[in-house]
Amino acid sequence: MDTIEFEDFARVELRVGTVIEVEAFPEARQPAWRLRIDFGPEIGERNSSAQITDLYDRQSLLGRQVVAVINFPPKQIGPFRSECLVTGFHRADGAVVLCAPDGAVPNGSRLA
């Protein structure tokens, strides 16, 4: 495993946001949701494509807080522009379990 300096880690903007919109993404090669996430007044709302359909349906995502990287460049995924990367962990079966705070925090809060 490569080691990094703390400054490298500090450059990654891991922020909390609340999912405010969930749409199907039939054009995606892998099953995915199109998410709209509110990161608070300083950052605003961002779009993300997330391959999390195995464990999360529309209702379970709406209003849920997630952790995302917000300082990657936008990525065009078919007709959709993804503006942040929602984080999670792969289970043995390949399903993704979302990273999320253990309790409610203000949108835009940075991982410390």
N, C-alpha and C. Protein backbone atom coordinates (compact mmCIF):
# COMPACT_ATOMS: atom_id res chain seq x y z
N MET A 1 0.85 -1.17 0.00
CA MET A 1 0.00 0.00 0.00
C MET A 1 0.90 1.24 0.00
N ASP A 2 0.59 2.17 -0.91
CA ASP A 2 1.33 3.43 -0.94
C ASP A 2 0.89 4.31 0.22
N THR A 3 1.83 5.01 0.80
CA THR A 3 1.48 5.98 1.85
C THR A 3 1.39 7.36 1.22
N ILE A 4 0.61 8.22 1.87
CA ILE A 4 0.46 9.60 1.41
C ILE A 4 0.74 10.54 2.58
N GLU A 5 1.00 11.75 2.26
CA GLU A 5 1.18 12.77 3.29
C GLU A 5 -0.18 13.31 3.70
N PHE A 6 -0.28 13.87 4.89
CA PHE A 6 -1.54 14.43 5.36
C PHE A 6 -2.06 15.49 4.40
N GLU A 7 -1.16 16.26 3.80
CA GLU A 7 -1.57 17.31 2.87
C GLU A 7 -2.30 16.72 1.66
N ASP A 8 -1.91 15.50 1.24
CA ASP A 8 -2.61 14.83 0.13
C ASP A 8 -4.05 14.55 0.53
N PHE A 9 -4.24 13.99 1.72
CA PHE A 9 -5.58 13.69 2.21
C PHE A 9 -6.40 14.97 2.38
N ALA A 10 -5.76 16.02 2.89
CA ALA A 10 -6.46 17.27 3.15
C ALA A 10 -6.99 17.91 1.87
N ARG A 11 -6.42 17.58 0.73
CA ARG A 11 -6.89 18.14 -0.55
C ARG A 11 -8.21 17.54 -1.00
N VAL A 12 -8.57 16.37 -0.47
CA VAL A 12 -9.82 15.71 -0.86
C VAL A 12 -10.97 16.32 -0.06
N GLU A 13 -11.93 16.88 -0.75
CA GLU A 13 -13.10 17.52 -0.12
C GLU A 13 -14.20 16.49 0.07
N LEU A 14 -14.21 15.84 1.21
CA LEU A 14 -15.27 14.89 1.56
C LEU A 14 -16.29 15.66 2.38
N ARG A 15 -17.49 15.81 1.81
CA ARG A 15 -18.54 16.61 2.43
C ARG A 15 -19.83 15.82 2.57
N VAL A 16 -20.64 16.22 3.53
CA VAL A 16 -21.95 15.61 3.74
C VAL A 16 -23.01 16.41 3.00
N GLY A 17 -23.92 15.69 2.37
CA GLY A 17 -25.05 16.32 1.72
C GLY A 17 -26.29 15.45 1.87
N THR A 18 -27.44 16.06 1.66
CA THR A 18 -28.71 15.35 1.76
C THR A 18 -29.28 15.12 0.37
N VAL A 19 -29.66 13.87 0.10
CA VAL A 19 -30.26 13.51 -1.19
C VAL A 19 -31.65 14.15 -1.26
N ILE A 20 -31.85 15.00 -2.26
CA ILE A 20 -33.14 15.69 -2.39
C ILE A 20 -33.93 15.25 -3.62
N GLU A 21 -33.29 14.50 -4.50
CA GLU A 21 -33.99 14.01 -5.70
C GLU A 21 -33.32 12.71 -6.15
N VAL A 22 -34.14 11.74 -6.55
CA VAL A 22 -33.65 10.45 -7.05
C VAL A 22 -34.42 10.12 -8.32
N GLU A 23 -33.68 9.86 -9.39
CA GLU A 23 -34.31 9.51 -10.67
C GLU A 23 -33.67 8.25 -11.22
N ALA A 24 -34.43 7.48 -11.96
CA ALA A 24 -33.89 6.33 -12.66
C ALA A 24 -32.87 6.81 -13.68
N PHE A 25 -31.92 5.95 -14.00
CA PHE A 25 -30.88 6.28 -14.98
C PHE A 25 -30.77 5.11 -15.97
N PRO A 26 -31.81 4.96 -16.83
CA PRO A 26 -31.83 3.80 -17.74
C PRO A 26 -30.71 3.79 -18.76
N GLU A 27 -30.08 4.93 -19.04
CA GLU A 27 -29.00 4.99 -20.02
C GLU A 27 -27.67 4.47 -19.47
N ALA A 28 -27.55 4.31 -18.17
CA ALA A 28 -26.30 3.85 -17.56
C ALA A 28 -26.02 2.40 -17.96
N ARG A 29 -24.73 2.07 -18.13
CA ARG A 29 -24.35 0.70 -18.47
C ARG A 29 -24.62 -0.26 -17.31
N GLN A 30 -24.38 0.19 -16.11
CA GLN A 30 -24.66 -0.58 -14.89
C GLN A 30 -25.87 0.08 -14.23
N PRO A 31 -26.73 -0.68 -13.55
CA PRO A 31 -27.87 -0.05 -12.88
C PRO A 31 -27.42 1.05 -11.93
N ALA A 32 -28.06 2.21 -12.03
CA ALA A 32 -27.65 3.37 -11.23
C ALA A 32 -28.83 4.30 -11.01
N TRP A 33 -28.68 5.14 -10.00
CA TRP A 33 -29.61 6.24 -9.75
C TRP A 33 -28.94 7.55 -10.13
N ARG A 34 -29.74 8.50 -10.60
CA ARG A 34 -29.29 9.88 -10.76
C ARG A 34 -29.75 10.61 -9.50
N LEU A 35 -28.79 11.15 -8.76
CA LEU A 35 -29.08 11.82 -7.49
C LEU A 35 -28.85 13.31 -7.60
N ARG A 36 -29.67 14.07 -6.90
CA ARG A 36 -29.45 15.50 -6.68
C ARG A 36 -29.21 15.63 -5.18
N ILE A 37 -28.06 16.21 -4.80
CA ILE A 37 -27.64 16.26 -3.41
C ILE A 37 -27.43 17.71 -2.99
N ASP A 38 -28.00 18.07 -1.85
CA ASP A 38 -27.87 19.43 -1.30
C ASP A 38 -26.71 19.45 -0.31
N PHE A 39 -25.67 20.23 -0.64
CA PHE A 39 -24.50 20.37 0.22
C PHE A 39 -24.52 21.69 1.01
N GLY A 40 -25.66 22.32 1.12
CA GLY A 40 -25.78 23.54 1.91
C GLY A 40 -25.50 24.79 1.10
N PRO A 41 -25.70 25.96 1.73
CA PRO A 41 -25.61 27.22 0.99
C PRO A 41 -24.23 27.56 0.43
N GLU A 42 -23.17 27.13 1.08
CA GLU A 42 -21.82 27.46 0.61
C GLU A 42 -21.48 26.72 -0.69
N ILE A 43 -21.90 25.46 -0.80
CA ILE A 43 -21.55 24.62 -1.95
C ILE A 43 -22.70 24.51 -2.93
N GLY A 44 -23.91 24.40 -2.42
CA GLY A 44 -25.09 24.28 -3.28
C GLY A 44 -25.44 22.83 -3.57
N GLU A 45 -26.20 22.64 -4.64
CA GLU A 45 -26.66 21.32 -5.04
C GLU A 45 -25.77 20.77 -6.14
N ARG A 46 -25.56 19.45 -6.09
CA ARG A 46 -24.75 18.78 -7.11
C ARG A 46 -25.45 17.50 -7.55
N ASN A 47 -25.16 17.09 -8.80
CA ASN A 47 -25.67 15.84 -9.36
C ASN A 47 -24.63 14.74 -9.18
N SER A 48 -25.11 13.51 -9.04
CA SER A 48 -24.21 12.37 -8.99
C SER A 48 -24.92 11.14 -9.55
N SER A 49 -24.17 10.32 -10.28
CA SER A 49 -24.65 9.02 -10.70
C SER A 49 -24.09 8.01 -9.71
N ALA A 50 -24.96 7.17 -9.15
CA ALA A 50 -24.52 6.23 -8.12
C ALA A 50 -25.04 4.83 -8.40
N GLN A 51 -24.12 3.88 -8.47
CA GLN A 51 -24.48 2.48 -8.71
C GLN A 51 -24.79 1.81 -7.37
N ILE A 52 -25.92 2.18 -6.80
CA ILE A 52 -26.30 1.71 -5.47
C ILE A 52 -27.70 1.11 -5.47
N THR A 53 -28.16 0.65 -6.64
CA THR A 53 -29.53 0.16 -6.76
C THR A 53 -29.76 -1.18 -6.07
N ASP A 54 -28.71 -1.94 -5.78
CA ASP A 54 -28.88 -3.24 -5.13
C ASP A 54 -29.49 -3.11 -3.73
N LEU A 55 -29.07 -2.09 -3.00
CA LEU A 55 -29.48 -1.96 -1.60
C LEU A 55 -30.40 -0.78 -1.31
N TYR A 56 -30.51 0.16 -2.26
CA TYR A 56 -31.23 1.40 -1.99
C TYR A 56 -32.28 1.67 -3.07
N ASP A 57 -33.52 1.86 -2.63
CA ASP A 57 -34.56 2.27 -3.57
C ASP A 57 -34.76 3.78 -3.42
N ARG A 58 -35.59 4.32 -4.27
CA ARG A 58 -35.83 5.77 -4.30
C ARG A 58 -36.21 6.30 -2.91
N GLN A 59 -37.17 5.65 -2.28
CA GLN A 59 -37.67 6.13 -0.98
C GLN A 59 -36.61 6.09 0.12
N SER A 60 -35.75 5.07 0.10
CA SER A 60 -34.74 4.98 1.14
C SER A 60 -33.62 6.00 0.96
N LEU A 61 -33.50 6.55 -0.24
CA LEU A 61 -32.46 7.55 -0.51
C LEU A 61 -32.92 8.98 -0.25
N LEU A 62 -34.18 9.27 -0.52
CA LEU A 62 -34.68 10.63 -0.33
C LEU A 62 -34.55 11.06 1.12
N GLY A 63 -33.89 12.18 1.34
CA GLY A 63 -33.70 12.71 2.69
C GLY A 63 -32.52 12.13 3.43
N ARG A 64 -31.82 11.19 2.83
CA ARG A 64 -30.68 10.52 3.48
C ARG A 64 -29.42 11.37 3.30
N GLN A 65 -28.62 11.45 4.35
CA GLN A 65 -27.33 12.13 4.24
C GLN A 65 -26.29 11.13 3.74
N VAL A 66 -25.42 11.61 2.84
CA VAL A 66 -24.35 10.80 2.27
C VAL A 66 -23.05 11.59 2.32
N VAL A 67 -21.94 10.88 2.18
CA VAL A 67 -20.62 11.50 2.11
C VAL A 67 -20.16 11.42 0.66
N ALA A 68 -19.70 12.55 0.13
CA ALA A 68 -19.27 12.59 -1.27
C ALA A 68 -18.00 13.41 -1.43
N VAL A 69 -17.22 13.05 -2.44
CA VAL A 69 -16.07 13.86 -2.84
C VAL A 69 -16.61 14.92 -3.78
N ILE A 70 -16.39 16.19 -3.43
CA ILE A 70 -16.96 17.26 -4.25
C ILE A 70 -15.93 18.01 -5.10
N ASN A 71 -14.65 17.64 -4.99
CA ASN A 71 -13.65 18.39 -5.77
C ASN A 71 -12.98 17.57 -6.87
N PHE A 72 -13.64 16.50 -7.33
CA PHE A 72 -13.23 15.85 -8.57
C PHE A 72 -13.81 16.68 -9.71
N PRO A 73 -13.18 16.64 -10.89
CA PRO A 73 -13.80 17.33 -12.02
C PRO A 73 -15.10 16.63 -12.42
N PRO A 74 -16.07 17.36 -12.96
CA PRO A 74 -17.31 16.72 -13.43
C PRO A 74 -17.01 15.63 -14.46
N LYS A 75 -17.86 14.60 -14.47
CA LYS A 75 -17.68 13.49 -15.41
C LYS A 75 -18.97 13.29 -16.18
N GLN A 76 -18.85 13.26 -17.50
CA GLN A 76 -20.00 13.01 -18.36
C GLN A 76 -20.26 11.52 -18.43
N ILE A 77 -21.46 11.10 -18.01
CA ILE A 77 -21.84 9.69 -18.06
C ILE A 77 -23.07 9.61 -18.95
N GLY A 78 -22.84 9.29 -20.22
CA GLY A 78 -23.93 9.32 -21.20
C GLY A 78 -24.50 10.73 -21.25
N PRO A 79 -25.83 10.88 -21.11
CA PRO A 79 -26.45 12.19 -21.19
C PRO A 79 -26.40 12.98 -19.87
N PHE A 80 -25.75 12.42 -18.85
CA PHE A 80 -25.78 12.98 -17.50
C PHE A 80 -24.40 13.46 -17.08
N ARG A 81 -24.35 14.61 -16.42
CA ARG A 81 -23.09 15.16 -15.92
C ARG A 81 -23.03 14.96 -14.41
N SER A 82 -22.12 14.09 -13.97
CA SER A 82 -21.94 13.80 -12.55
C SER A 82 -20.95 14.80 -11.98
N GLU A 83 -21.35 15.48 -10.89
CA GLU A 83 -20.55 16.58 -10.34
C GLU A 83 -19.91 16.25 -8.99
N CYS A 84 -20.16 15.07 -8.47
CA CYS A 84 -19.53 14.64 -7.23
C CYS A 84 -19.56 13.12 -7.19
N LEU A 85 -18.75 12.53 -6.30
CA LEU A 85 -18.66 11.08 -6.18
C LEU A 85 -19.18 10.66 -4.81
N VAL A 86 -20.32 9.99 -4.80
CA VAL A 86 -20.88 9.46 -3.56
C VAL A 86 -20.02 8.27 -3.13
N THR A 87 -19.68 8.20 -1.85
CA THR A 87 -18.77 7.16 -1.37
C THR A 87 -19.50 5.99 -0.73
N GLY A 88 -18.87 4.83 -0.79
CA GLY A 88 -19.43 3.63 -0.20
C GLY A 88 -18.42 2.51 -0.21
N PHE A 89 -18.82 1.39 0.36
CA PHE A 89 -17.96 0.21 0.46
C PHE A 89 -18.63 -0.96 -0.25
N HIS A 90 -17.84 -1.75 -0.99
CA HIS A 90 -18.36 -2.95 -1.66
C HIS A 90 -18.44 -4.10 -0.67
N ARG A 91 -19.59 -4.77 -0.67
CA ARG A 91 -19.73 -6.01 0.08
C ARG A 91 -19.16 -7.16 -0.76
N ALA A 92 -19.08 -8.35 -0.19
CA ALA A 92 -18.58 -9.52 -0.90
C ALA A 92 -19.39 -9.81 -2.16
N ASP A 93 -20.70 -9.52 -2.12
CA ASP A 93 -21.56 -9.78 -3.28
C ASP A 93 -21.53 -8.66 -4.31
N GLY A 94 -20.73 -7.62 -4.08
CA GLY A 94 -20.61 -6.52 -5.03
C GLY A 94 -21.52 -5.34 -4.76
N ALA A 95 -22.51 -5.50 -3.90
CA ALA A 95 -23.41 -4.38 -3.56
C ALA A 95 -22.63 -3.31 -2.80
N VAL A 96 -23.03 -2.06 -2.99
CA VAL A 96 -22.36 -0.94 -2.34
C VAL A 96 -23.18 -0.46 -1.15
N VAL A 97 -22.49 -0.35 0.00
CA VAL A 97 -23.08 0.20 1.22
C VAL A 97 -22.57 1.63 1.34
N LEU A 98 -23.48 2.58 1.43
CA LEU A 98 -23.12 4.00 1.46
C LEU A 98 -22.36 4.39 2.73
N CYS A 99 -21.45 5.36 2.56
CA CYS A 99 -20.83 6.03 3.70
C CYS A 99 -21.77 7.14 4.13
N ALA A 100 -22.00 7.25 5.41
CA ALA A 100 -22.92 8.27 5.92
C ALA A 100 -22.55 8.60 7.36
N PRO A 101 -22.84 9.82 7.80
CA PRO A 101 -22.58 10.14 9.20
C PRO A 101 -23.49 9.32 10.12
N ASP A 102 -23.03 9.08 11.32
CA ASP A 102 -23.78 8.30 12.30
C ASP A 102 -24.96 9.08 12.88
N GLY A 103 -24.90 10.38 12.76
CA GLY A 103 -25.98 11.26 13.21
C GLY A 103 -26.09 12.43 12.27
N ALA A 104 -27.17 13.19 12.37
CA ALA A 104 -27.37 14.33 11.48
C ALA A 104 -26.32 15.41 11.72
N VAL A 105 -25.77 15.94 10.63
CA VAL A 105 -24.84 17.07 10.67
C VAL A 105 -25.26 18.06 9.61
N PRO A 106 -24.81 19.31 9.72
CA PRO A 106 -25.20 20.30 8.70
C PRO A 106 -24.69 19.91 7.31
N ASN A 107 -25.53 20.11 6.29
CA ASN A 107 -25.08 19.88 4.91
C ASN A 107 -23.86 20.72 4.64
N GLY A 108 -22.90 20.12 3.97
CA GLY A 108 -21.64 20.81 3.64
C GLY A 108 -20.54 20.54 4.64
N SER A 109 -20.87 19.89 5.77
CA SER A 109 -19.84 19.59 6.77
C SER A 109 -18.74 18.76 6.13
N ARG A 110 -17.50 19.09 6.48
CA ARG A 110 -16.34 18.41 5.92
C ARG A 110 -15.87 17.30 6.85
N LEU A 111 -15.47 16.19 6.27
CA LEU A 111 -14.90 15.09 7.05
C LEU A 111 -13.66 15.60 7.75
N ALA A 112 -13.60 15.39 9.05
CA ALA A 112 -12.46 15.90 9.84
C ALA A 112 -11.48 14.79 10.12
